[in-house]
mmCIF file of all heavy atoms, coordinates in Angstrom:
data_MODEL
# 
_entry.id   MODEL 
# 
loop_
_atom_site.group_PDB 
_atom_site.id 
_atom_site.type_symbol 
_atom_site.label_atom_id 
_atom_site.label_alt_id 
_atom_site.label_comp_id 
_atom_site.label_asym_id 
_atom_site.label_entity_id 
_atom_site.label_seq_id 
_atom_site.pdbx_PDB_ins_code 
_atom_site.Cartn_x 
_atom_site.Cartn_y 
_atom_site.Cartn_z 
_atom_site.occupancy 
_atom_site.B_iso_or_equiv 
_atom_site.pdbx_formal_charge 
_atom_site.auth_seq_id 
_atom_site.auth_comp_id 
_atom_site.auth_asym_id 
_atom_site.auth_atom_id 
_atom_site.pdbx_PDB_model_num 
ATOM 1   N N   . ALA A 1 1  ? -15.309 -4.345 -1.342  1.00 0.00 ? 1  ALA A N   1 
ATOM 2   C CA  . ALA A 1 1  ? -15.568 -3.474 -0.185  1.00 0.00 ? 1  ALA A CA  1 
ATOM 3   C C   . ALA A 1 1  ? -14.434 -3.509 0.840   1.00 0.00 ? 1  ALA A C   1 
ATOM 4   O O   . ALA A 1 1  ? -14.190 -2.525 1.528   1.00 0.00 ? 1  ALA A O   1 
ATOM 5   C CB  . ALA A 1 1  ? -16.888 -3.872 0.476   1.00 0.00 ? 1  ALA A CB  1 
ATOM 6   N N   . ALA A 1 2  ? -13.733 -4.632 0.935   1.00 0.00 ? 2  ALA A N   1 
ATOM 7   C CA  . ALA A 1 2  ? -12.655 -4.780 1.908   1.00 0.00 ? 2  ALA A CA  1 
ATOM 8   C C   . ALA A 1 2  ? -11.356 -4.087 1.475   1.00 0.00 ? 2  ALA A C   1 
ATOM 9   O O   . ALA A 1 2  ? -10.512 -3.768 2.319   1.00 0.00 ? 2  ALA A O   1 
ATOM 10  C CB  . ALA A 1 2  ? -12.381 -6.261 2.154   1.00 0.00 ? 2  ALA A CB  1 
ATOM 11  N N   . LEU A 1 3  ? -11.198 -3.849 0.202   1.00 0.00 ? 3  LEU A N   1 
ATOM 12  C CA  . LEU A 1 3  ? -9.907  -3.387 -0.321  1.00 0.00 ? 3  LEU A CA  1 
ATOM 13  C C   . LEU A 1 3  ? -9.460  -2.002 0.158   1.00 0.00 ? 3  LEU A C   1 
ATOM 14  O O   . LEU A 1 3  ? -8.285  -1.860 0.523   1.00 0.00 ? 3  LEU A O   1 
ATOM 15  C CB  . LEU A 1 3  ? -9.900  -3.460 -1.848  1.00 0.00 ? 3  LEU A CB  1 
ATOM 16  C CG  . LEU A 1 3  ? -10.151 -4.869 -2.415  1.00 0.00 ? 3  LEU A CG  1 
ATOM 17  C CD1 . LEU A 1 3  ? -10.080 -4.836 -3.939  1.00 0.00 ? 3  LEU A CD1 1 
ATOM 18  C CD2 . LEU A 1 3  ? -9.198  -5.893 -1.845  1.00 0.00 ? 3  LEU A CD2 1 
ATOM 19  N N   . PRO A 1 4  ? -10.302 -0.990 0.186   1.00 0.00 ? 4  PRO A N   1 
ATOM 20  C CA  . PRO A 1 4  ? -9.816  0.315  0.656   1.00 0.00 ? 4  PRO A CA  1 
ATOM 21  C C   . PRO A 1 4  ? -9.243  0.266  2.079   1.00 0.00 ? 4  PRO A C   1 
ATOM 22  O O   . PRO A 1 4  ? -8.210  0.876  2.359   1.00 0.00 ? 4  PRO A O   1 
ATOM 23  C CB  . PRO A 1 4  ? -11.053 1.214  0.578   1.00 0.00 ? 4  PRO A CB  1 
ATOM 24  C CG  . PRO A 1 4  ? -11.905 0.576  -0.465  1.00 0.00 ? 4  PRO A CG  1 
ATOM 25  C CD  . PRO A 1 4  ? -11.679 -0.913 -0.303  1.00 0.00 ? 4  PRO A CD  1 
ATOM 26  N N   . GLY A 1 5  ? -9.890  -0.473 2.960   1.00 0.00 ? 5  GLY A N   1 
ATOM 27  C CA  . GLY A 1 5  ? -9.394  -0.606 4.329   1.00 0.00 ? 5  GLY A CA  1 
ATOM 28  C C   . GLY A 1 5  ? -8.072  -1.341 4.393   1.00 0.00 ? 5  GLY A C   1 
ATOM 29  O O   . GLY A 1 5  ? -7.186  -0.989 5.181   1.00 0.00 ? 5  GLY A O   1 
ATOM 30  N N   . ARG A 1 6  ? -7.929  -2.338 3.554   1.00 0.00 ? 6  ARG A N   1 
ATOM 31  C CA  . ARG A 1 6  ? -6.666  -3.087 3.518   1.00 0.00 ? 6  ARG A CA  1 
ATOM 32  C C   . ARG A 1 6  ? -5.528  -2.210 3.008   1.00 0.00 ? 6  ARG A C   1 
ATOM 33  O O   . ARG A 1 6  ? -4.434  -2.203 3.585   1.00 0.00 ? 6  ARG A O   1 
ATOM 34  C CB  . ARG A 1 6  ? -6.796  -4.315 2.614   1.00 0.00 ? 6  ARG A CB  1 
ATOM 35  C CG  . ARG A 1 6  ? -7.722  -5.366 3.164   1.00 0.00 ? 6  ARG A CG  1 
ATOM 36  C CD  . ARG A 1 6  ? -7.825  -6.511 2.194   1.00 0.00 ? 6  ARG A CD  1 
ATOM 37  N NE  . ARG A 1 6  ? -8.794  -7.502 2.609   1.00 0.00 ? 6  ARG A NE  1 
ATOM 38  C CZ  . ARG A 1 6  ? -9.063  -8.598 1.917   1.00 0.00 ? 6  ARG A CZ  1 
ATOM 39  N NH1 . ARG A 1 6  ? -8.441  -8.842 0.762   1.00 0.00 ? 6  ARG A NH1 1 
ATOM 40  N NH2 . ARG A 1 6  ? -9.959  -9.462 2.355   1.00 0.00 ? 6  ARG A NH2 1 
ATOM 41  N N   . ILE A 1 7  ? -5.785  -1.475 1.934   1.00 0.00 ? 7  ILE A N   1 
ATOM 42  C CA  . ILE A 1 7  ? -4.750  -0.587 1.379   1.00 0.00 ? 7  ILE A CA  1 
ATOM 43  C C   . ILE A 1 7  ? -4.374  0.473  2.412   1.00 0.00 ? 7  ILE A C   1 
ATOM 44  O O   . ILE A 1 7  ? -3.193  0.784  2.601   1.00 0.00 ? 7  ILE A O   1 
ATOM 45  C CB  . ILE A 1 7  ? -5.227  0.047  0.053   1.00 0.00 ? 7  ILE A CB  1 
ATOM 46  C CG1 . ILE A 1 7  ? -5.347  -1.027 -1.037  1.00 0.00 ? 7  ILE A CG1 1 
ATOM 47  C CG2 . ILE A 1 7  ? -4.289  1.168  -0.389  1.00 0.00 ? 7  ILE A CG2 1 
ATOM 48  C CD1 . ILE A 1 7  ? -4.040  -1.689 -1.448  1.00 0.00 ? 7  ILE A CD1 1 
ATOM 49  N N   . ALA A 1 8  ? -5.359  1.014  3.108   1.00 0.00 ? 8  ALA A N   1 
ATOM 50  C CA  . ALA A 1 8  ? -5.092  2.014  4.150   1.00 0.00 ? 8  ALA A CA  1 
ATOM 51  C C   . ALA A 1 8  ? -4.249  1.412  5.272   1.00 0.00 ? 8  ALA A C   1 
ATOM 52  O O   . ALA A 1 8  ? -3.314  2.050  5.770   1.00 0.00 ? 8  ALA A O   1 
ATOM 53  C CB  . ALA A 1 8  ? -6.394  2.578  4.696   1.00 0.00 ? 8  ALA A CB  1 
ATOM 54  N N   . ALA A 1 9  ? -4.557  0.190  5.673   1.00 0.00 ? 9  ALA A N   1 
ATOM 55  C CA  . ALA A 1 9  ? -3.795  -0.473 6.737   1.00 0.00 ? 9  ALA A CA  1 
ATOM 56  C C   . ALA A 1 9  ? -2.360  -0.749 6.288   1.00 0.00 ? 9  ALA A C   1 
ATOM 57  O O   . ALA A 1 9  ? -1.415  -0.577 7.078   1.00 0.00 ? 9  ALA A O   1 
ATOM 58  C CB  . ALA A 1 9  ? -4.487  -1.777 7.145   1.00 0.00 ? 9  ALA A CB  1 
ATOM 59  N N   . LEU A 1 10 ? -2.189  -1.163 5.042   1.00 0.00 ? 10 LEU A N   1 
ATOM 60  C CA  . LEU A 1 10 ? -0.839  -1.405 4.521   1.00 0.00 ? 10 LEU A CA  1 
ATOM 61  C C   . LEU A 1 10 ? -0.037  -0.106 4.476   1.00 0.00 ? 10 LEU A C   1 
ATOM 62  O O   . LEU A 1 10 ? 1.136   -0.083 4.855   1.00 0.00 ? 10 LEU A O   1 
ATOM 63  C CB  . LEU A 1 10 ? -0.910  -2.046 3.127   1.00 0.00 ? 10 LEU A CB  1 
ATOM 64  C CG  . LEU A 1 10 ? -1.406  -3.483 3.079   1.00 0.00 ? 10 LEU A CG  1 
ATOM 65  C CD1 . LEU A 1 10 ? -1.711  -3.887 1.636   1.00 0.00 ? 10 LEU A CD1 1 
ATOM 66  C CD2 . LEU A 1 10 ? -0.394  -4.431 3.698   1.00 0.00 ? 10 LEU A CD2 1 
ATOM 67  N N   . ALA A 1 11 ? -0.681  0.964  4.029   1.00 0.00 ? 11 ALA A N   1 
ATOM 68  C CA  . ALA A 1 11 ? -0.013  2.269  3.981   1.00 0.00 ? 11 ALA A CA  1 
ATOM 69  C C   . ALA A 1 11 ? 0.353   2.745  5.385   1.00 0.00 ? 11 ALA A C   1 
ATOM 70  O O   . ALA A 1 11 ? 1.450   3.265  5.610   1.00 0.00 ? 11 ALA A O   1 
ATOM 71  C CB  . ALA A 1 11 ? -0.886  3.288  3.266   1.00 0.00 ? 11 ALA A CB  1 
ATOM 72  N N   . ALA A 1 12 ? -0.554  2.546  6.335   1.00 0.00 ? 12 ALA A N   1 
ATOM 73  C CA  . ALA A 1 12 ? -0.291  2.954  7.721   1.00 0.00 ? 12 ALA A CA  1 
ATOM 74  C C   . ALA A 1 12 ? 0.861   2.162  8.325   1.00 0.00 ? 12 ALA A C   1 
ATOM 75  O O   . ALA A 1 12 ? 1.566   2.661  9.206   1.00 0.00 ? 12 ALA A O   1 
ATOM 76  C CB  . ALA A 1 12 ? -1.555  2.779  8.564   1.00 0.00 ? 12 ALA A CB  1 
ATOM 77  N N   . ALA A 1 13 ? 1.068   0.948  7.829   1.00 0.00 ? 13 ALA A N   1 
ATOM 78  C CA  . ALA A 1 13 ? 2.173   0.114  8.308   1.00 0.00 ? 13 ALA A CA  1 
ATOM 79  C C   . ALA A 1 13 ? 3.486   0.464  7.606   1.00 0.00 ? 13 ALA A C   1 
ATOM 80  O O   . ALA A 1 13 ? 4.507   -0.178 7.853   1.00 0.00 ? 13 ALA A O   1 
ATOM 81  C CB  . ALA A 1 13 ? 1.835   -1.362 8.105   1.00 0.00 ? 13 ALA A CB  1 
ATOM 82  N N   . GLY A 1 14 ? 3.445   1.457  6.717   1.00 0.00 ? 14 GLY A N   1 
ATOM 83  C CA  . GLY A 1 14 ? 4.669   1.919  6.071   1.00 0.00 ? 14 GLY A CA  1 
ATOM 84  C C   . GLY A 1 14 ? 4.963   1.335  4.707   1.00 0.00 ? 14 GLY A C   1 
ATOM 85  O O   . GLY A 1 14 ? 6.038   1.563  4.160   1.00 0.00 ? 14 GLY A O   1 
ATOM 86  N N   . HIS A 1 15 ? 4.029   0.595  4.154   1.00 0.00 ? 15 HIS A N   1 
ATOM 87  C CA  . HIS A 1 15 ? 4.233   0.009  2.824   1.00 0.00 ? 15 HIS A CA  1 
ATOM 88  C C   . HIS A 1 15 ? 3.874   1.001  1.726   1.00 0.00 ? 15 HIS A C   1 
ATOM 89  O O   . HIS A 1 15 ? 2.924   1.770  1.873   1.00 0.00 ? 15 HIS A O   1 
ATOM 90  C CB  . HIS A 1 15 ? 3.354   -1.234 2.639   1.00 0.00 ? 15 HIS A CB  1 
ATOM 91  C CG  . HIS A 1 15 ? 3.712   -2.369 3.516   1.00 0.00 ? 15 HIS A CG  1 
ATOM 92  N ND1 . HIS A 1 15 ? 4.843   -3.118 3.352   1.00 0.00 ? 15 HIS A ND1 1 
ATOM 93  C CD2 . HIS A 1 15 ? 3.069   -2.887 4.598   1.00 0.00 ? 15 HIS A CD2 1 
ATOM 94  C CE1 . HIS A 1 15 ? 4.891   -4.059 4.275   1.00 0.00 ? 15 HIS A CE1 1 
ATOM 95  N NE2 . HIS A 1 15 ? 3.822   -3.932 5.053   1.00 0.00 ? 15 HIS A NE2 1 
ATOM 96  N N   . ALA A 1 16 ? 4.616   0.957  0.621   1.00 0.00 ? 16 ALA A N   1 
ATOM 97  C CA  . ALA A 1 16 ? 4.185   1.658  -0.583  1.00 0.00 ? 16 ALA A CA  1 
ATOM 98  C C   . ALA A 1 16 ? 3.012   0.852  -1.128  1.00 0.00 ? 16 ALA A C   1 
ATOM 99  O O   . ALA A 1 16 ? 3.056   -0.378 -1.151  1.00 0.00 ? 16 ALA A O   1 
ATOM 100 C CB  . ALA A 1 16 ? 5.315   1.714  -1.598  1.00 0.00 ? 16 ALA A CB  1 
ATOM 101 N N   . THR A 1 17 ? 1.958   1.527  -1.537  1.00 0.00 ? 17 THR A N   1 
ATOM 102 C CA  . THR A 1 17 ? 0.768   0.829  -2.014  1.00 0.00 ? 17 THR A CA  1 
ATOM 103 C C   . THR A 1 17 ? 0.361   1.349  -3.389  1.00 0.00 ? 17 THR A C   1 
ATOM 104 O O   . THR A 1 17 ? 0.867   2.360  -3.858  1.00 0.00 ? 17 THR A O   1 
ATOM 105 C CB  . THR A 1 17 ? -0.402  1.009  -1.033  1.00 0.00 ? 17 THR A CB  1 
ATOM 106 O OG1 . THR A 1 17 ? -0.687  2.397  -0.880  1.00 0.00 ? 17 THR A OG1 1 
ATOM 107 C CG2 . THR A 1 17 ? -0.104  0.378  0.322   1.00 0.00 ? 17 THR A CG2 1 
ATOM 108 N N   . GLY A 1 18 ? -0.574  0.649  -4.004  1.00 0.00 ? 18 GLY A N   1 
ATOM 109 C CA  . GLY A 1 18 ? -1.051  1.032  -5.321  1.00 0.00 ? 18 GLY A CA  1 
ATOM 110 C C   . GLY A 1 18 ? 0.081   0.968  -6.338  1.00 0.00 ? 18 GLY A C   1 
ATOM 111 O O   . GLY A 1 18 ? 0.963   0.113  -6.252  1.00 0.00 ? 18 GLY A O   1 
ATOM 112 N N   . GLY A 1 19 ? 0.081   1.873  -7.286  1.00 0.00 ? 19 GLY A N   1 
ATOM 113 C CA  . GLY A 1 19 ? 1.108   1.909  -8.318  1.00 0.00 ? 19 GLY A CA  1 
ATOM 114 C C   . GLY A 1 19 ? 2.507   2.118  -7.763  1.00 0.00 ? 19 GLY A C   1 
ATOM 115 O O   . GLY A 1 19 ? 3.487   1.643  -8.335  1.00 0.00 ? 19 GLY A O   1 
ATOM 116 N N   . ALA A 1 20 ? 2.626   2.810  -6.629  1.00 0.00 ? 20 ALA A N   1 
ATOM 117 C CA  . ALA A 1 20 ? 3.934   3.044  -6.013  1.00 0.00 ? 20 ALA A CA  1 
ATOM 118 C C   . ALA A 1 20 ? 4.578   1.746  -5.536  1.00 0.00 ? 20 ALA A C   1 
ATOM 119 O O   . ALA A 1 20 ? 5.800   1.660  -5.418  1.00 0.00 ? 20 ALA A O   1 
ATOM 120 C CB  . ALA A 1 20 ? 3.802   4.030  -4.861  1.00 0.00 ? 20 ALA A CB  1 
ATOM 121 N N   . ALA A 1 21 ? 3.793   0.731  -5.261  1.00 0.00 ? 21 ALA A N   1 
ATOM 122 C CA  . ALA A 1 21 ? 4.329   -0.548 -4.796  1.00 0.00 ? 21 ALA A CA  1 
ATOM 123 C C   . ALA A 1 21 ? 5.060   -1.289 -5.903  1.00 0.00 ? 21 ALA A C   1 
ATOM 124 O O   . ALA A 1 21 ? 5.852   -2.176 -5.633  1.00 0.00 ? 21 ALA A O   1 
ATOM 125 C CB  . ALA A 1 21 ? 3.211   -1.418 -4.234  1.00 0.00 ? 21 ALA A CB  1 
ATOM 126 N N   . LYS A 1 22 ? 4.793   -0.921 -7.128  1.00 0.00 ? 22 LYS A N   1 
ATOM 127 C CA  . LYS A 1 22 ? 5.429   -1.586 -8.258  1.00 0.00 ? 22 LYS A CA  1 
ATOM 128 C C   . LYS A 1 22 ? 6.908   -1.209 -8.369  1.00 0.00 ? 22 LYS A C   1 
ATOM 129 O O   . LYS A 1 22 ? 7.720   -2.013 -8.804  1.00 0.00 ? 22 LYS A O   1 
ATOM 130 C CB  . LYS A 1 22 ? 4.699   -1.229 -9.553  1.00 0.00 ? 22 LYS A CB  1 
ATOM 131 C CG  . LYS A 1 22 ? 5.020   -2.136 -10.693 1.00 0.00 ? 22 LYS A CG  1 
ATOM 132 C CD  . LYS A 1 22 ? 4.055   -1.895 -11.835 1.00 0.00 ? 22 LYS A CD  1 
ATOM 133 C CE  . LYS A 1 22 ? 3.995   -3.136 -12.701 1.00 0.00 ? 22 LYS A CE  1 
ATOM 134 N NZ  . LYS A 1 22 ? 2.906   -3.104 -13.637 1.00 0.00 ? 22 LYS A NZ  1 
ATOM 135 N N   . ARG A 1 23 ? 7.220   -0.005 -7.951  1.00 0.00 ? 23 ARG A N   1 
ATOM 136 C CA  . ARG A 1 23 ? 8.610   0.455  -8.026  1.00 0.00 ? 23 ARG A CA  1 
ATOM 137 C C   . ARG A 1 23 ? 9.408   -0.145 -6.897  1.00 0.00 ? 23 ARG A C   1 
ATOM 138 O O   . ARG A 1 23 ? 8.958   -0.194 -5.756  1.00 0.00 ? 23 ARG A O   1 
ATOM 139 C CB  . ARG A 1 23 ? 8.646   1.967  -7.947  1.00 0.00 ? 23 ARG A CB  1 
ATOM 140 C CG  . ARG A 1 23 ? 7.949   2.663  -9.109  1.00 0.00 ? 23 ARG A CG  1 
ATOM 141 C CD  . ARG A 1 23 ? 8.125   4.156  -8.954  1.00 0.00 ? 23 ARG A CD  1 
ATOM 142 N NE  . ARG A 1 23 ? 7.059   5.026  -9.310  1.00 0.00 ? 23 ARG A NE  1 
ATOM 143 C CZ  . ARG A 1 23 ? 5.796   5.009  -8.956  1.00 0.00 ? 23 ARG A CZ  1 
ATOM 144 N NH1 . ARG A 1 23 ? 5.342   4.088  -8.187  1.00 0.00 ? 23 ARG A NH1 1 
ATOM 145 N NH2 . ARG A 1 23 ? 4.938   5.922  -9.359  1.00 0.00 ? 23 ARG A NH2 1 
ATOM 146 N N   . LYS A 1 24 ? 10.606  -0.569 -7.202  1.00 0.00 ? 24 LYS A N   1 
ATOM 147 C CA  . LYS A 1 24 ? 11.475  -1.128 -6.169  1.00 0.00 ? 24 LYS A CA  1 
ATOM 148 C C   . LYS A 1 24 ? 12.036  -0.020 -5.308  1.00 0.00 ? 24 LYS A C   1 
ATOM 149 O O   . LYS A 1 24 ? 12.389  1.048  -5.794  1.00 0.00 ? 24 LYS A O   1 
ATOM 150 C CB  . LYS A 1 24 ? 12.622  -1.911 -6.809  1.00 0.00 ? 24 LYS A CB  1 
ATOM 151 C CG  . LYS A 1 24 ? 12.159  -3.157 -7.498  1.00 0.00 ? 24 LYS A CG  1 
ATOM 152 C CD  . LYS A 1 24 ? 13.319  -3.951 -8.006  1.00 0.00 ? 24 LYS A CD  1 
ATOM 153 C CE  . LYS A 1 24 ? 12.811  -5.211 -8.678  1.00 0.00 ? 24 LYS A CE  1 
ATOM 154 N NZ  . LYS A 1 24 ? 13.875  -6.038 -9.175  1.00 0.00 ? 24 LYS A NZ  1 
ATOM 155 N N   . ARG A 1 25 ? 12.085  -0.284 -4.017  1.00 0.00 ? 25 ARG A N   1 
ATOM 156 C CA  . ARG A 1 25 ? 12.660  0.683  -3.084  1.00 0.00 ? 25 ARG A CA  1 
ATOM 157 C C   . ARG A 1 25 ? 14.169  0.629  -3.184  1.00 0.00 ? 25 ARG A C   1 
ATOM 158 O O   . ARG A 1 25 ? 14.770  -0.420 -3.377  1.00 0.00 ? 25 ARG A O   1 
ATOM 159 C CB  . ARG A 1 25 ? 12.246  0.374  -1.645  1.00 0.00 ? 25 ARG A CB  1 
ATOM 160 C CG  . ARG A 1 25 ? 10.793  0.634  -1.400  1.00 0.00 ? 25 ARG A CG  1 
ATOM 161 C CD  . ARG A 1 25 ? 10.514  0.462  0.056   1.00 0.00 ? 25 ARG A CD  1 
ATOM 162 N NE  . ARG A 1 25 ? 9.084   0.584  0.282   1.00 0.00 ? 25 ARG A NE  1 
ATOM 163 C CZ  . ARG A 1 25 ? 8.556   0.659  1.466   1.00 0.00 ? 25 ARG A CZ  1 
ATOM 164 N NH1 . ARG A 1 25 ? 9.304   0.606  2.526   1.00 0.00 ? 25 ARG A NH1 1 
ATOM 165 N NH2 . ARG A 1 25 ? 7.264   0.773  1.616   1.00 0.00 ? 25 ARG A NH2 1 
ATOM 166 N N   . LYS A 1 26 ? 14.793  1.781  -2.990  1.00 0.00 ? 26 LYS A N   1 
ATOM 167 C CA  . LYS A 1 26 ? 16.267  1.857  -3.015  1.00 0.00 ? 26 LYS A CA  1 
ATOM 168 C C   . LYS A 1 26 ? 16.822  1.752  -1.634  1.00 0.00 ? 26 LYS A C   1 
ATOM 169 O O   . LYS A 1 26 ? 16.266  2.067  -0.668  1.00 0.00 ? 26 LYS A O   1 
ATOM 170 C CB  . LYS A 1 26 ? 16.702  3.160  -3.670  1.00 0.00 ? 26 LYS A CB  1 
ATOM 171 C CG  . LYS A 1 26 ? 16.341  3.185  -5.130  1.00 0.00 ? 26 LYS A CG  1 
ATOM 172 C CD  . LYS A 1 26 ? 16.793  4.484  -5.745  1.00 0.00 ? 26 LYS A CD  1 
ATOM 173 C CE  . LYS A 1 26 ? 16.430  4.500  -7.208  1.00 0.00 ? 26 LYS A CE  1 
ATOM 174 N NZ  . LYS A 1 26 ? 16.834  5.715  -7.855  1.00 0.00 ? 26 LYS A NZ  1 
# 
């Protein structure tokens, strides 16, 4: 139950999340 809110907070902080987080940023 906590995970959707955490992912949303990480995304709002500018992080790539979910499958996109696996790719390295250039």
